[in-house]
All heavy atoms as atom14 arrays in JSON, in Angstrom:
{
  "sequence": "RLLDIGLAYRCVCTPEDLERMRRQAMASGLKPKYDGRCREAEWPA",
  "atom14_mask": [
    [1, 1, 1, 1, 1, 1, 1, 1, 1, 1, 1, 0, 0, 0],
    [1, 1, 1, 1, 1, 1, 1, 1, 0, 0, 0, 0, 0, 0],
    [1, 1, 1, 1, 1, 1, 1, 1, 0, 0, 0, 0, 0, 0],
    [1, 1, 1, 1, 1, 1, 1, 1, 0, 0, 0, 0, 0, 0],
    [1, 1, 1, 1, 1, 1, 1, 1, 0, 0, 0, 0, 0, 0],
    [1, 1, 1, 1, 0, 0, 0, 0, 0, 0, 0, 0, 0, 0],
    [1, 1, 1, 1, 1, 1, 1, 1, 0, 0, 0, 0, 0, 0],
    [1, 1, 1, 1, 1, 0, 0, 0, 0, 0, 0, 0, 0, 0],
    [1, 1, 1, 1, 1, 1, 1, 1, 1, 1, 1, 1, 0, 0],
    [1, 1, 1, 1, 1, 1, 1, 1, 1, 1, 1, 0, 0, 0],
    [1, 1, 1, 1, 1, 1, 0, 0, 0, 0, 0, 0, 0, 0],
    [1, 1, 1, 1, 1, 1, 1, 0, 0, 0, 0, 0, 0, 0],
    [1, 1, 1, 1, 1, 1, 0, 0, 0, 0, 0, 0, 0, 0],
    [1, 1, 1, 1, 1, 1, 1, 0, 0, 0, 0, 0, 0, 0],
    [1, 1, 1, 1, 1, 1, 1, 0, 0, 0, 0, 0, 0, 0],
    [1, 1, 1, 1, 1, 1, 1, 1, 1, 0, 0, 0, 0, 0],
    [1, 1, 1, 1, 1, 1, 1, 1, 0, 0, 0, 0, 0, 0],
    [1, 1, 1, 1, 1, 1, 1, 1, 0, 0, 0, 0, 0, 0],
    [1, 1, 1, 1, 1, 1, 1, 1, 1, 0, 0, 0, 0, 0],
    [1, 1, 1, 1, 1, 1, 1, 1, 1, 1, 1, 0, 0, 0],
    [1, 1, 1, 1, 1, 1, 1, 1, 0, 0, 0, 0, 0, 0],
    [1, 1, 1, 1, 1, 1, 1, 1, 1, 1, 1, 0, 0, 0],
    [1, 1, 1, 1, 1, 1, 1, 1, 1, 1, 1, 0, 0, 0],
    [1, 1, 1, 1, 1, 1, 1, 1, 1, 0, 0, 0, 0, 0],
    [1, 1, 1, 1, 1, 0, 0, 0, 0, 0, 0, 0, 0, 0],
    [1, 1, 1, 1, 1, 1, 1, 1, 0, 0, 0, 0, 0, 0],
    [1, 1, 1, 1, 1, 0, 0, 0, 0, 0, 0, 0, 0, 0],
    [1, 1, 1, 1, 1, 1, 0, 0, 0, 0, 0, 0, 0, 0],
    [1, 1, 1, 1, 0, 0, 0, 0, 0, 0, 0, 0, 0, 0],
    [1, 1, 1, 1, 1, 1, 1, 1, 0, 0, 0, 0, 0, 0],
    [1, 1, 1, 1, 1, 1, 1, 1, 1, 0, 0, 0, 0, 0],
    [1, 1, 1, 1, 1, 1, 1, 0, 0, 0, 0, 0, 0, 0],
    [1, 1, 1, 1, 1, 1, 1, 1, 1, 0, 0, 0, 0, 0],
    [1, 1, 1, 1, 1, 1, 1, 1, 1, 1, 1, 1, 0, 0],
    [1, 1, 1, 1, 1, 1, 1, 1, 0, 0, 0, 0, 0, 0],
    [1, 1, 1, 1, 0, 0, 0, 0, 0, 0, 0, 0, 0, 0],
    [1, 1, 1, 1, 1, 1, 1, 1, 1, 1, 1, 0, 0, 0],
    [1, 1, 1, 1, 1, 1, 0, 0, 0, 0, 0, 0, 0, 0],
    [1, 1, 1, 1, 1, 1, 1, 1, 1, 1, 1, 0, 0, 0],
    [1, 1, 1, 1, 1, 1, 1, 1, 1, 0, 0, 0, 0, 0],
    [1, 1, 1, 1, 1, 0, 0, 0, 0, 0, 0, 0, 0, 0],
    [1, 1, 1, 1, 1, 1, 1, 1, 1, 0, 0, 0, 0, 0],
    [1, 1, 1, 1, 1, 1, 1, 1, 1, 1, 1, 1, 1, 1],
    [1, 1, 1, 1, 1, 1, 1, 0, 0, 0, 0, 0, 0, 0],
    [1, 1, 1, 1, 1, 0, 0, 0, 0, 0, 0, 0, 0, 0]
  ],
  "atom14_positions": [
    [[165.01, 4.78, -13.92], [165.71, 3.63, -13.33], [164.72, 2.55, -12.93], [164.92, 1.36, -13.23], [166.53, 4.08, -12.11], [167.4, 2.97, -11.52], [168.18, 3.46, -10.31], [167.33, 3.68, -9.16], [166.86, 2.7, -8.36], [167.16, 1.45, -8.6], [166.1, 3.0, -7.33], [0.0, 0.0, 0.0], [0.0, 0.0, 0.0], [0.0, 0.0, 0.0]],
    [[163.61, 2.93, -12.28], [162.61, 1.95, -11.88], [161.94, 1.3, -13.1], [161.66, 0.1, -13.09], [161.57, 2.6, -10.98], [162.07, 3.01, -9.59], [161.01, 3.81, -8.84], [162.52, 1.81, -8.78], [0.0, 0.0, 0.0], [0.0, 0.0, 0.0], [0.0, 0.0, 0.0], [0.0, 0.0, 0.0], [0.0, 0.0, 0.0], [0.0, 0.0, 0.0]],
    [[161.71, 2.08, -14.16], [161.16, 1.51, -15.39], [162.14, 0.49, -16.0], [161.75, -0.6, -16.4], [160.87, 2.61, -16.42], [159.62, 3.44, -16.18], [159.65, 4.71, -17.05], [158.36, 2.64, -16.44], [0.0, 0.0, 0.0], [0.0, 0.0, 0.0], [0.0, 0.0, 0.0], [0.0, 0.0, 0.0], [0.0, 0.0, 0.0], [0.0, 0.0, 0.0]],
    [[163.42, 0.87, -16.02], [164.44, 0.01, -16.63], [164.59, -1.33, -15.91], [164.86, -2.35, -16.54], [165.8, 0.72, -16.67], [165.85, 1.85, -17.68], [164.95, 1.93, -18.55], [166.79, 2.68, -17.58], [0.0, 0.0, 0.0], [0.0, 0.0, 0.0], [0.0, 0.0, 0.0], [0.0, 0.0, 0.0], [0.0, 0.0, 0.0], [0.0, 0.0, 0.0]],
    [[164.42, -1.33, -14.6], [164.61, -2.58, -13.85], [163.29, -3.3, -13.58], [163.25, -4.29, -12.86], [165.39, -2.36, -12.54], [164.64, -1.44, -11.57], [166.79, -1.83, -12.83], [165.31, -1.29, -10.2], [0.0, 0.0, 0.0], [0.0, 0.0, 0.0], [0.0, 0.0, 0.0], [0.0, 0.0, 0.0], [0.0, 0.0, 0.0], [0.0, 0.0, 0.0]],
    [[162.2, -2.79, -14.15], [160.92, -3.47, -14.05], [160.15, -3.24, -12.77], [159.18, -3.94, -12.48], [0.0, 0.0, 0.0], [0.0, 0.0, 0.0], [0.0, 0.0, 0.0], [0.0, 0.0, 0.0], [0.0, 0.0, 0.0], [0.0, 0.0, 0.0], [0.0, 0.0, 0.0], [0.0, 0.0, 0.0], [0.0, 0.0, 0.0], [0.0, 0.0, 0.0]],
    [[160.54, -2.23, -11.99], [159.82, -1.93, -10.76], [158.78, -0.82, -10.94], [158.18, -0.37, -9.97], [160.79, -1.56, -9.63], [161.61, -2.73, -9.09], [162.6, -2.25, -8.04], [160.7, -3.81, -8.52], [0.0, 0.0, 0.0], [0.0, 0.0, 0.0], [0.0, 0.0, 0.0], [0.0, 0.0, 0.0], [0.0, 0.0, 0.0], [0.0, 0.0, 0.0]],
    [[158.63, -0.38, -12.17], [157.6, 0.62, -12.49], [157.11, 0.33, -13.91], [157.77, -0.37, -14.67], [158.18, 2.03, -12.4], [0.0, 0.0, 0.0], [0.0, 0.0, 0.0], [0.0, 0.0, 0.0], [0.0, 0.0, 0.0], [0.0, 0.0, 0.0], [0.0, 0.0, 0.0], [0.0, 0.0, 0.0], [0.0, 0.0, 0.0], [0.0, 0.0, 0.0]],
    [[155.93, 0.86, -14.22], [155.36, 0.65, -15.55], [154.43, 1.8, -15.9], [153.96, 2.53, -15.03], [154.62, -0.69, -15.63], [153.45, -0.81, -14.69], [152.16, -0.49, -15.1], [153.63, -1.26, -13.38], [151.07, -0.61, -14.23], [152.55, -1.39, -12.51], [151.29, -1.06, -12.94], [150.22, -1.17, -12.08], [0.0, 0.0, 0.0], [0.0, 0.0, 0.0]],
    [[154.2, 1.94, -17.21], [153.3, 2.98, -17.72], [151.86, 2.52, -17.59], [151.55, 1.36, -17.81], [153.61, 3.28, -19.18], [154.99, 3.85, -19.38], [155.26, 4.26, -20.81], [156.63, 4.73, -20.9], [157.06, 5.91, -20.45], [156.21, 6.74, -19.91], [158.33, 6.24, -20.55], [0.0, 0.0, 0.0], [0.0, 0.0, 0.0], [0.0, 0.0, 0.0]],
    [[150.99, 3.45, -17.27], [149.55, 3.16, -17.14], [148.79, 4.24, -17.89], [148.97, 5.43, -17.64], [149.15, 3.14, -15.67], [147.37, 2.95, -15.4], [0.0, 0.0, 0.0], [0.0, 0.0, 0.0], [0.0, 0.0, 0.0], [0.0, 0.0, 0.0], [0.0, 0.0, 0.0], [0.0, 0.0, 0.0], [0.0, 0.0, 0.0], [0.0, 0.0, 0.0]],
    [[147.93, 3.8, -18.81], [147.16, 4.74, -19.63], [145.69, 4.78, -19.24], [144.87, 5.35, -19.97], [147.31, 4.41, -21.13], [148.74, 4.6, -21.59], [146.81, 3.02, -21.44], [0.0, 0.0, 0.0], [0.0, 0.0, 0.0], [0.0, 0.0, 0.0], [0.0, 0.0, 0.0], [0.0, 0.0, 0.0], [0.0, 0.0, 0.0], [0.0, 0.0, 0.0]],
    [[145.34, 4.22, -18.12], [143.94, 4.23, -17.67], [143.48, 5.66, -17.43], [144.21, 6.48, -16.85], [143.78, 3.4, -16.41], [144.09, 1.64, -16.68], [0.0, 0.0, 0.0], [0.0, 0.0, 0.0], [0.0, 0.0, 0.0], [0.0, 0.0, 0.0], [0.0, 0.0, 0.0], [0.0, 0.0, 0.0], [0.0, 0.0, 0.0], [0.0, 0.0, 0.0]],
    [[142.28, 5.94, -17.85], [141.7, 7.28, -17.68], [141.07, 7.39, -16.29], [140.81, 6.38, -15.64], [140.62, 7.53, -18.73], [139.54, 6.6, -18.49], [141.16, 7.36, -20.14], [0.0, 0.0, 0.0], [0.0, 0.0, 0.0], [0.0, 0.0, 0.0], [0.0, 0.0, 0.0], [0.0, 0.0, 0.0], [0.0, 0.0, 0.0], [0.0, 0.0, 0.0]],
    [[140.79, 8.61, -15.85], [140.08, 8.76, -14.57], [138.74, 8.0, -14.58], [138.35, 7.45, -13.56], [139.86, 10.28, -14.47], [141.01, 10.86, -15.24], [141.23, 9.9, -16.39], [0.0, 0.0, 0.0], [0.0, 0.0, 0.0], [0.0, 0.0, 0.0], [0.0, 0.0, 0.0], [0.0, 0.0, 0.0], [0.0, 0.0, 0.0], [0.0, 0.0, 0.0]],
    [[138.1, 7.95, -15.73], [136.83, 7.21, -15.83], [137.06, 5.7, -15.64], [136.28, 5.03, -14.96], [136.15, 7.48, -17.17], [135.7, 8.92, -17.38], [136.84, 9.88, -17.76], [137.9, 9.43, -18.26], [136.67, 11.1, -17.54], [0.0, 0.0, 0.0], [0.0, 0.0, 0.0], [0.0, 0.0, 0.0], [0.0, 0.0, 0.0], [0.0, 0.0, 0.0]],
    [[138.16, 5.19, -16.23], [138.51, 3.78, -16.04], [138.74, 3.49, -14.55], [138.26, 2.48, -14.02], [139.81, 3.42, -16.78], [139.68, 3.49, -18.29], [138.56, 3.32, -18.82], [140.73, 3.71, -18.94], [0.0, 0.0, 0.0], [0.0, 0.0, 0.0], [0.0, 0.0, 0.0], [0.0, 0.0, 0.0], [0.0, 0.0, 0.0], [0.0, 0.0, 0.0]],
    [[139.47, 4.37, -13.91], [139.8, 4.17, -12.49], [138.55, 4.22, -11.62], [138.41, 3.44, -10.68], [140.83, 5.21, -12.05], [142.18, 5.15, -12.77], [143.05, 6.32, -12.35], [142.86, 3.82, -12.55], [0.0, 0.0, 0.0], [0.0, 0.0, 0.0], [0.0, 0.0, 0.0], [0.0, 0.0, 0.0], [0.0, 0.0, 0.0], [0.0, 0.0, 0.0]],
    [[137.64, 5.12, -11.92], [136.39, 5.22, -11.16], [135.57, 3.94, -11.36], [134.98, 3.42, -10.41], [135.6, 6.45, -11.58], [134.26, 6.61, -10.89], [134.35, 6.7, -9.36], [135.4, 7.11, -8.83], [133.37, 6.35, -8.69], [0.0, 0.0, 0.0], [0.0, 0.0, 0.0], [0.0, 0.0, 0.0], [0.0, 0.0, 0.0], [0.0, 0.0, 0.0]],
    [[135.55, 3.45, -12.56], [134.82, 2.2, -12.85], [135.43, 1.03, -12.05], [134.71, 0.23, -11.46], [134.85, 1.92, -14.36], [133.83, 0.94, -14.86], [133.71, 0.88, -16.38], [134.86, 1.29, -17.19], [135.02, 2.49, -17.76], [134.09, 3.43, -17.63], [136.09, 2.77, -18.47], [0.0, 0.0, 0.0], [0.0, 0.0, 0.0], [0.0, 0.0, 0.0]],
    [[136.76, 0.95, -12.01], [137.44, -0.1, -11.24], [137.09, 0.01, -9.76], [136.85, -0.99, -9.09], [138.96, 0.03, -11.39], [139.53, -0.45, -12.67], [141.32, -0.15, -12.65], [141.54, 0.46, -14.31], [0.0, 0.0, 0.0], [0.0, 0.0, 0.0], [0.0, 0.0, 0.0], [0.0, 0.0, 0.0], [0.0, 0.0, 0.0], [0.0, 0.0, 0.0]],
    [[137.1, 1.25, -9.27], [136.81, 1.5, -7.86], [135.4, 1.02, -7.51], [135.18, 0.31, -6.53], [136.97, 2.99, -7.54], [136.82, 3.33, -6.06], [136.82, 4.83, -5.83], [135.58, 5.45, -6.25], [134.42, 5.36, -5.58], [134.35, 4.68, -4.47], [133.34, 5.96, -6.02], [0.0, 0.0, 0.0], [0.0, 0.0, 0.0], [0.0, 0.0, 0.0]],
    [[134.44, 1.39, -8.35], [133.04, 0.98, -8.1], [132.88, -0.54, -8.15], [132.2, -1.13, -7.33], [132.1, 1.65, -9.1], [131.8, 3.11, -8.76], [130.61, 3.65, -9.56], [130.64, 3.33, -10.96], [131.14, 4.11, -11.92], [131.64, 5.27, -11.6], [131.12, 3.72, -13.18], [0.0, 0.0, 0.0], [0.0, 0.0, 0.0], [0.0, 0.0, 0.0]],
    [[133.51, -1.17, -9.15], [133.42, -2.63, -9.28], [134.03, -3.34, -8.07], [133.47, -4.31, -7.56], [134.1, -3.1, -10.57], [133.33, -2.73, -11.82], [134.13, -3.01, -13.09], [135.34, -3.23, -13.07], [133.43, -2.95, -14.23], [0.0, 0.0, 0.0], [0.0, 0.0, 0.0], [0.0, 0.0, 0.0], [0.0, 0.0, 0.0], [0.0, 0.0, 0.0]],
    [[135.18, -2.87, -7.62], [135.83, -3.48, -6.46], [134.95, -3.36, -5.23], [134.75, -4.33, -4.5], [137.2, -2.84, -6.23], [0.0, 0.0, 0.0], [0.0, 0.0, 0.0], [0.0, 0.0, 0.0], [0.0, 0.0, 0.0], [0.0, 0.0, 0.0], [0.0, 0.0, 0.0], [0.0, 0.0, 0.0], [0.0, 0.0, 0.0], [0.0, 0.0, 0.0]],
    [[134.42, -2.17, -4.99], [133.57, -1.96, -3.81], [132.3, -2.79, -3.89], [131.86, -3.36, -2.88], [133.27, -0.47, -3.64], [134.52, 0.32, -3.26], [134.23, 2.07, -3.06], [133.28, 2.08, -1.56], [0.0, 0.0, 0.0], [0.0, 0.0, 0.0], [0.0, 0.0, 0.0], [0.0, 0.0, 0.0], [0.0, 0.0, 0.0], [0.0, 0.0, 0.0]],
    [[131.72, -2.91, -5.07], [130.51, -3.72, -5.24], [130.8, -5.19, -4.96], [129.91, -5.94, -4.53], [129.95, -3.55, -6.65], [0.0, 0.0, 0.0], [0.0, 0.0, 0.0], [0.0, 0.0, 0.0], [0.0, 0.0, 0.0], [0.0, 0.0, 0.0], [0.0, 0.0, 0.0], [0.0, 0.0, 0.0], [0.0, 0.0, 0.0], [0.0, 0.0, 0.0]],
    [[132.07, -5.6, -5.17], [132.45, -6.99, -4.91], [132.98, -7.2, -3.5], [133.46, -8.28, -3.17], [133.53, -7.42, -5.91], [133.06, -7.31, -7.23], [0.0, 0.0, 0.0], [0.0, 0.0, 0.0], [0.0, 0.0, 0.0], [0.0, 0.0, 0.0], [0.0, 0.0, 0.0], [0.0, 0.0, 0.0], [0.0, 0.0, 0.0], [0.0, 0.0, 0.0]],
    [[132.95, -6.13, -2.69], [133.45, -6.24, -1.32], [134.97, -6.18, -1.21], [135.53, -6.57, -0.18], [0.0, 0.0, 0.0], [0.0, 0.0, 0.0], [0.0, 0.0, 0.0], [0.0, 0.0, 0.0], [0.0, 0.0, 0.0], [0.0, 0.0, 0.0], [0.0, 0.0, 0.0], [0.0, 0.0, 0.0], [0.0, 0.0, 0.0], [0.0, 0.0, 0.0]],
    [[135.64, -5.7, -2.26], [137.1, -5.6, -2.26], [137.53, -4.17, -1.98], [136.74, -3.23, -2.1], [137.64, -6.05, -3.62], [137.29, -7.47, -4.05], [137.72, -7.71, -5.5], [137.94, -8.48, -3.12], [0.0, 0.0, 0.0], [0.0, 0.0, 0.0], [0.0, 0.0, 0.0], [0.0, 0.0, 0.0], [0.0, 0.0, 0.0], [0.0, 0.0, 0.0]],
    [[138.82, -4.01, -1.66], [139.36, -2.67, -1.48], [139.37, -1.95, -2.83], [139.69, -2.56, -3.85], [140.77, -2.73, -0.92], [140.81, -3.12, 0.52], [142.2, -2.95, 1.08], [142.14, -3.22, 2.56], [143.39, -2.92, 3.22], [0.0, 0.0, 0.0], [0.0, 0.0, 0.0], [0.0, 0.0, 0.0], [0.0, 0.0, 0.0], [0.0, 0.0, 0.0]],
    [[139.02, -0.67, -2.83], [138.99, 0.08, -4.09], [140.4, 0.48, -4.52], [140.88, 1.55, -4.2], [138.14, 1.3, -3.74], [138.37, 1.49, -2.27], [138.55, 0.12, -1.7], [0.0, 0.0, 0.0], [0.0, 0.0, 0.0], [0.0, 0.0, 0.0], [0.0, 0.0, 0.0], [0.0, 0.0, 0.0], [0.0, 0.0, 0.0], [0.0, 0.0, 0.0]],
    [[141.06, -0.42, -5.23], [142.42, -0.13, -5.68], [142.54, -0.43, -7.17], [141.68, -1.07, -7.76], [143.45, -0.93, -4.88], [143.37, -2.41, -5.07], [144.48, -3.11, -4.29], [144.67, -4.51, -4.81], [145.89, -5.1, -4.38], [0.0, 0.0, 0.0], [0.0, 0.0, 0.0], [0.0, 0.0, 0.0], [0.0, 0.0, 0.0], [0.0, 0.0, 0.0]],
    [[143.62, 0.03, -7.74], [143.91, -0.18, -9.15], [144.04, -1.68, -9.41], [144.7, -2.39, -8.65], [145.2, 0.55, -9.51], [145.64, 0.33, -10.93], [144.88, 0.8, -11.98], [146.79, -0.38, -11.21], [145.28, 0.59, -13.29], [147.2, -0.59, -12.51], [146.43, -0.12, -13.54], [146.83, -0.33, -14.84], [0.0, 0.0, 0.0], [0.0, 0.0, 0.0]],
    [[143.44, -2.17, -10.49], [143.41, -3.61, -10.75], [144.63, -4.15, -11.51], [144.73, -5.35, -11.77], [142.12, -4.02, -11.47], [142.01, -3.52, -12.89], [142.99, -2.94, -13.42], [140.94, -3.71, -13.49], [0.0, 0.0, 0.0], [0.0, 0.0, 0.0], [0.0, 0.0, 0.0], [0.0, 0.0, 0.0], [0.0, 0.0, 0.0], [0.0, 0.0, 0.0]],
    [[145.57, -3.28, -11.87], [146.81, -3.73, -12.48], [146.73, -4.07, -13.96], [147.64, -4.71, -14.5], [0.0, 0.0, 0.0], [0.0, 0.0, 0.0], [0.0, 0.0, 0.0], [0.0, 0.0, 0.0], [0.0, 0.0, 0.0], [0.0, 0.0, 0.0], [0.0, 0.0, 0.0], [0.0, 0.0, 0.0], [0.0, 0.0, 0.0], [0.0, 0.0, 0.0]],
    [[145.7, -3.62, -14.64], [145.53, -4.02, -16.04], [146.66, -3.57, -16.96], [146.84, -4.16, -18.02], [144.18, -3.56, -16.57], [144.01, -2.06, -16.68], [142.65, -1.7, -17.19], [141.65, -2.24, -16.28], [140.36, -2.13, -16.45], [139.89, -1.5, -17.49], [139.52, -2.63, -15.58], [0.0, 0.0, 0.0], [0.0, 0.0, 0.0], [0.0, 0.0, 0.0]],
    [[147.42, -2.55, -16.59], [148.52, -2.1, -17.45], [149.88, -2.68, -17.03], [150.9, -2.38, -17.66], [148.61, -0.58, -17.44], [147.21, 0.25, -18.23], [0.0, 0.0, 0.0], [0.0, 0.0, 0.0], [0.0, 0.0, 0.0], [0.0, 0.0, 0.0], [0.0, 0.0, 0.0], [0.0, 0.0, 0.0], [0.0, 0.0, 0.0], [0.0, 0.0, 0.0]],
    [[149.92, -3.5, -15.99], [151.19, -4.03, -15.45], [152.07, -4.7, -16.5], [153.28, -4.54, -16.49], [150.92, -5.04, -14.33], [150.65, -4.43, -12.98], [150.37, -5.5, -11.95], [151.56, -6.14, -11.47], [152.18, -5.85, -10.34], [151.69, -4.92, -9.55], [153.26, -6.48, -9.98], [0.0, 0.0, 0.0], [0.0, 0.0, 0.0], [0.0, 0.0, 0.0]],
    [[151.48, -5.49, -17.37], [152.26, -6.27, -18.33], [152.08, -5.79, -19.77], [152.55, -6.44, -20.69], [151.88, -7.75, -18.22], [152.01, -8.33, -16.82], [153.37, -8.12, -16.17], [154.41, -8.13, -16.87], [153.41, -7.91, -14.94], [0.0, 0.0, 0.0], [0.0, 0.0, 0.0], [0.0, 0.0, 0.0], [0.0, 0.0, 0.0], [0.0, 0.0, 0.0]],
    [[151.42, -4.68, -19.96], [151.16, -4.19, -21.32], [152.44, -3.65, -21.96], [153.31, -3.12, -21.29], [150.1, -3.09, -21.27], [0.0, 0.0, 0.0], [0.0, 0.0, 0.0], [0.0, 0.0, 0.0], [0.0, 0.0, 0.0], [0.0, 0.0, 0.0], [0.0, 0.0, 0.0], [0.0, 0.0, 0.0], [0.0, 0.0, 0.0], [0.0, 0.0, 0.0]],
    [[152.54, -3.81, -23.26], [153.64, -3.23, -24.04], [153.11, -1.97, -24.71], [152.1, -2.02, -25.41], [154.12, -4.23, -25.1], [154.76, -5.47, -24.51], [156.09, -5.19, -23.83], [156.81, -4.29, -24.28], [156.38, -5.86, -22.82], [0.0, 0.0, 0.0], [0.0, 0.0, 0.0], [0.0, 0.0, 0.0], [0.0, 0.0, 0.0], [0.0, 0.0, 0.0]],
    [[153.79, -0.85, -24.52], [153.3, 0.41, -25.07], [154.14, 0.83, -26.24], [155.37, 0.69, -26.23], [153.31, 1.49, -23.99], [152.43, 1.1, -22.84], [152.82, 0.76, -21.6], [151.01, 0.92, -22.86], [151.73, 0.4, -20.84], [150.61, 0.49, -21.59], [150.04, 1.09, -23.85], [149.3, 0.23, -21.25], [148.72, 0.83, -23.51], [148.36, 0.41, -22.23]],
    [[153.51, 1.36, -27.25], [154.26, 1.8, -28.44], [155.18, 2.97, -28.11], [154.98, 3.68, -27.13], [153.16, 2.22, -29.41], [151.97, 2.5, -28.57], [152.08, 1.61, -27.35], [0.0, 0.0, 0.0], [0.0, 0.0, 0.0], [0.0, 0.0, 0.0], [0.0, 0.0, 0.0], [0.0, 0.0, 0.0], [0.0, 0.0, 0.0], [0.0, 0.0, 0.0]],
    [[156.16, 3.16, -28.97], [157.14, 4.23, -28.76], [156.51, 5.61, -28.82], [157.12, 6.59, -28.41], [158.26, 4.12, -29.79], [0.0, 0.0, 0.0], [0.0, 0.0, 0.0], [0.0, 0.0, 0.0], [0.0, 0.0, 0.0], [0.0, 0.0, 0.0], [0.0, 0.0, 0.0], [0.0, 0.0, 0.0], [0.0, 0.0, 0.0], [0.0, 0.0, 0.0]]
  ]
}
């Protein structure tokens, strides 16, 4: 239901991707959170 109404989305980031994001955010003085790169992606069937 959340996927259908646009309140959820698929994310294919690997644990390594997430660790890299976390390190980059902390190095920039930001909170270590997901950067949203999959928010608007279209995924194949």
